Amino acid sequence: MDVYKYQGSRQCEGGGTPLAEMQRQLQAGGAIVTSTSCGMDGRMYPAFCGGADGKINIFTISSNSMNAALAQGFTLLTNLPEAQKTSCYNAPASTGTSTSTSTTYPYTGSNNSSYYSYQ
């Protein structure tokens, strides 16, 4: 059975509860987790910093773990019909060496950190 819980991340801010941390919490509550994935709830959100981003953590659990998951605030994934599993992006681990990269931002053609700077 698949269950999910919102990560709690926000647009422009990230944050939220990582998949591995949420899995530890779920297992500590007595649930048996057989697989994990990240996902999106499939809903549309207005684009603004600090707004919800729809990211969810999805867990496949044994059927006898359902009560443990529900008691921790998880919901059946079937209740979110537009949800889709996505790949979980993990930033590469730091190796202790420093490298610099240049990013080109949309509409500016330069290394301007403001998305809304039209030039």
C-alpha atoms as a PDB file:
ATOM      1  CA  MET A   1       0.000   0.000   0.000  1.00  0.00           C
ATOM      2  CA  ASP A   2       1.267   3.469  -0.850  1.00  0.00           C
ATOM      3  CA  VAL A   3       0.975   6.332   1.622  1.00  0.00           C
ATOM      4  CA  TYR A   4       2.243   9.892   1.401  1.00  0.00           C
ATOM      5  CA  LYS A   5       2.909  12.984   3.443  1.00  0.00           C
ATOM      6  CA  TYR A   6       3.768  16.511   2.330  1.00  0.00           C
ATOM      7  CA  GLN A   7       7.435  17.386   2.723  1.00  0.00           C
ATOM      8  CA  GLY A   8       6.586  20.869   3.982  1.00  0.00           C
ATOM      9  CA  SER A   9       8.946  22.567   1.528  1.00  0.00           C
ATOM     10  CA  ARG A  10       8.171  25.974   0.051  1.00  0.00           C
ATOM     11  CA  GLN A  11       8.789  27.663  -3.303  1.00  0.00           C
ATOM     12  CA  CYS A  12      12.134  29.551  -3.419  1.00  0.00           C
ATOM     13  CA  GLU A  13      12.972  28.289   0.071  1.00  0.00           C
ATOM     14  CA  GLY A  14      13.124  24.502  -0.156  1.00  0.00           C
ATOM     15  CA  GLY A  15      13.256  22.988   3.292  1.00  0.00           C
ATOM     16  CA  GLY A  16      10.797  20.441   4.504  1.00  0.00           C
ATOM     17  CA  THR A  17      11.393  16.949   5.827  1.00  0.00           C
ATOM     18  CA  PRO A  18      13.797  14.849   3.732  1.00  0.00           C
ATOM     19  CA  LEU A  19      12.642  11.439   2.518  1.00  0.00           C
ATOM     20  CA  ALA A  20      15.125   9.504   4.701  1.00  0.00           C
ATOM     21  CA  GLU A  21      14.121  11.407   7.851  1.00  0.00           C
ATOM     22  CA  MET A  22      10.425  10.843   7.215  1.00  0.00           C
ATOM     23  CA  GLN A  23      11.116   7.141   6.602  1.00  0.00           C
ATOM     24  CA  ARG A  24      12.898   6.892   9.968  1.00  0.00           C
ATOM     25  CA  GLN A  25       9.918   8.530  11.676  1.00  0.00           C
ATOM     26  CA  LEU A  26       7.472   6.190   9.953  1.00  0.00           C
ATOM     27  CA  GLN A  27       9.494   3.112  10.908  1.00  0.00           C
ATOM     28  CA  ALA A  28       9.930   4.339  14.492  1.00  0.00           C
ATOM     29  CA  GLY A  29       6.131   4.412  14.701  1.00  0.00           C
ATOM     30  CA  GLY A  30       5.994   0.715  13.830  1.00  0.00           C
ATOM     31  CA  ALA A  31       5.401   0.764  10.071  1.00  0.00           C
ATOM     32  CA  ILE A  32       7.235  -1.628   7.755  1.00  0.00           C
ATOM     33  CA  VAL A  33       8.481   0.333   4.733  1.00  0.00           C
ATOM     34  CA  THR A  34       9.282  -1.672   1.601  1.00  0.00           C
ATOM     35  CA  SER A  35      10.108   1.190  -0.809  1.00  0.00           C
ATOM     36  CA  THR A  36      10.292   4.985  -0.972  1.00  0.00           C
ATOM     37  CA  SER A  37      10.085   7.721  -3.574  1.00  0.00           C
ATOM     38  CA  CYS A  38       9.554  11.426  -3.938  1.00  0.00           C
ATOM     39  CA  GLY A  39       6.553  12.844  -5.711  1.00  0.00           C
ATOM     40  CA  MET A  40       4.371  15.759  -6.650  1.00  0.00           C
ATOM     41  CA  ASP A  41       0.727  16.019  -5.657  1.00  0.00           C
ATOM     42  CA  GLY A  42      -0.369  16.975  -9.192  1.00  0.00           C
ATOM     43  CA  ARG A  43      -2.121  20.156  -8.106  1.00  0.00           C
ATOM     44  CA  MET A  44      -1.461  23.609  -9.500  1.00  0.00           C
ATOM     45  CA  TYR A  45      -0.086  26.314  -7.222  1.00  0.00           C
ATOM     46  CA  PRO A  46       0.332  30.040  -7.789  1.00  0.00           C
ATOM     47  CA  ALA A  47       4.007  30.873  -8.272  1.00  0.00           C
ATOM     48  CA  PHE A  48       5.290  32.960  -5.377  1.00  0.00           C
ATOM     49  CA  CYS A  49       8.120  32.617  -2.910  1.00  0.00           C
ATOM     50  CA  GLY A  50       6.998  31.008   0.316  1.00  0.00           C
ATOM     51  CA  GLY A  51       4.015  29.305  -1.307  1.00  0.00           C
ATOM     52  CA  ALA A  52       3.348  25.581  -1.224  1.00  0.00           C
ATOM     53  CA  ASP A  53       5.186  23.532  -3.866  1.00  0.00           C
ATOM     54  CA  GLY A  54       3.242  20.250  -3.800  1.00  0.00           C
ATOM     55  CA  LYS A  55       6.223  17.999  -3.017  1.00  0.00           C
ATOM     56  CA  ILE A  56       5.377  14.788  -1.220  1.00  0.00           C
ATOM     57  CA  ASN A  57       7.238  11.775   0.144  1.00  0.00           C
ATOM     58  CA  ILE A  58       5.737   8.431  -0.872  1.00  0.00           C
ATOM     59  CA  PHE A  59       6.180   5.166   1.000  1.00  0.00           C
ATOM     60  CA  THR A  60       5.109   1.653   0.120  1.00  0.00           C
ATOM     61  CA  ILE A  61       4.256  -0.095   3.375  1.00  0.00           C
ATOM     62  CA  SER A  62       2.937  -3.501   4.361  1.00  0.00           C
ATOM     63  CA  SER A  63      -0.842  -3.630   4.721  1.00  0.00           C
ATOM     64  CA  ASN A  64      -0.600  -4.382   8.447  1.00  0.00           C
ATOM     65  CA  SER A  65       1.332  -1.094   8.878  1.00  0.00           C
ATOM     66  CA  MET A  66      -1.576   1.064   7.750  1.00  0.00           C
ATOM     67  CA  ASN A  67      -2.781   2.037  11.233  1.00  0.00           C
ATOM     68  CA  ALA A  68       0.741   3.030  12.284  1.00  0.00           C
ATOM     69  CA  ALA A  69       1.068   5.261   9.202  1.00  0.00           C
ATOM     70  CA  LEU A  70      -2.347   6.860   9.574  1.00  0.00           C
ATOM     71  CA  ALA A  71      -1.650   7.588  13.245  1.00  0.00           C
ATOM     72  CA  GLN A  72       1.400   9.606  12.141  1.00  0.00           C
ATOM     73  CA  GLY A  73      -0.537  11.752   9.682  1.00  0.00           C
ATOM     74  CA  PHE A  74       0.138   9.812   6.480  1.00  0.00           C
ATOM     75  CA  THR A  75      -2.626   9.460   3.893  1.00  0.00           C
ATOM     76  CA  LEU A  76      -3.358   6.797   1.289  1.00  0.00           C
ATOM     77  CA  LEU A  77      -1.878   7.798  -2.062  1.00  0.00           C
ATOM     78  CA  THR A  78      -5.128   6.724  -3.755  1.00  0.00           C
ATOM     79  CA  ASN A  79      -6.720   9.806  -2.135  1.00  0.00           C
ATOM     80  CA  LEU A  80      -4.468  11.966  -4.334  1.00  0.00           C
ATOM     81  CA  PRO A  81      -5.310  10.693  -7.850  1.00  0.00           C
ATOM     82  CA  GLU A  82      -3.157  13.197  -9.783  1.00  0.00           C
ATOM     83  CA  ALA A  83      -0.020  12.488  -7.737  1.00  0.00           C
ATOM     84  CA  GLN A  84       3.053  11.317  -9.611  1.00  0.00           C
ATOM     85  CA  LYS A  85       6.263   9.757  -8.408  1.00  0.00           C
ATOM     86  CA  THR A  86       9.342  11.778  -9.309  1.00  0.00           C
ATOM     87  CA  SER A  87      13.048  11.268  -8.920  1.00  0.00           C
ATOM     88  CA  CYS A  88      14.540  12.456  -5.672  1.00  0.00           C
ATOM     89  CA  TYR A  89      17.283  14.989  -6.308  1.00  0.00           C
ATOM     90  CA  ASN A  90      20.193  14.800  -3.923  1.00  0.00           C
ATOM     91  CA  ALA A  91      22.948  17.363  -4.184  1.00  0.00           C
ATOM     92  CA  PRO A  92      26.416  15.811  -4.512  1.00  0.00           C
ATOM     93  CA  ALA A  93      28.276  15.443  -1.259  1.00  0.00           C
ATOM     94  CA  SER A  94      30.915  18.032  -0.546  1.00  0.00           C
ATOM     95  CA  THR A  95      34.446  16.842  -1.181  1.00  0.00           C
ATOM     96  CA  GLY A  96      36.109  19.683   0.682  1.00  0.00           C
ATOM     97  CA  THR A  97      37.344  21.311  -2.511  1.00  0.00           C
ATOM     98  CA  SER A  98      35.929  24.563  -3.711  1.00  0.00           C
ATOM     99  CA  THR A  99      34.776  25.089  -7.258  1.00  0.00           C
ATOM    100  CA  SER A 100      32.891  28.005  -8.685  1.00  0.00           C
ATOM    101  CA  THR A 101      30.200  27.798 -11.287  1.00  0.00           C
ATOM    102  CA  SER A 102      28.357  30.435 -13.236  1.00  0.00           C
ATOM    103  CA  THR A 103      24.613  30.345 -13.663  1.00  0.00           C
ATOM    104  CA  THR A 104      22.694  32.128 -16.395  1.00  0.00           C
ATOM    105  CA  TYR A 105      19.324  33.293 -15.140  1.00  0.00           C
ATOM    106  CA  PRO A 106      16.238  33.505 -17.333  1.00  0.00           C
ATOM    107  CA  TYR A 107      15.500  36.753 -19.173  1.00  0.00           C
ATOM    108  CA  THR A 108      18.712  38.462 -18.119  1.00  0.00           C
ATOM    109  CA  GLY A 109      21.417  36.655 -20.040  1.00  0.00           C
ATOM    110  CA  SER A 110      23.792  37.361 -17.153  1.00  0.00           C
ATOM    111  CA  ASN A 111      24.615  36.169 -13.692  1.00  0.00           C
ATOM    112  CA  ASN A 112      21.828  38.225 -12.127  1.00  0.00           C
ATOM    113  CA  SER A 113      20.188  36.525  -9.168  1.00  0.00           C
ATOM    114  CA  SER A 114      16.845  38.236  -9.713  1.00  0.00           C
ATOM    115  CA  TYR A 115      14.489  36.127 -11.806  1.00  0.00           C
ATOM    116  CA  TYR A 116      12.347  39.179 -12.484  1.00  0.00           C
ATOM    117  CA  SER A 117      15.115  41.445 -13.841  1.00  0.00           C
ATOM    118  CA  TYR A 118      14.206  42.007 -17.467  1.00  0.00           C
ATOM    119  CA  GLN A 119      16.971  43.572 -19.490  1.00  0.00           C
END
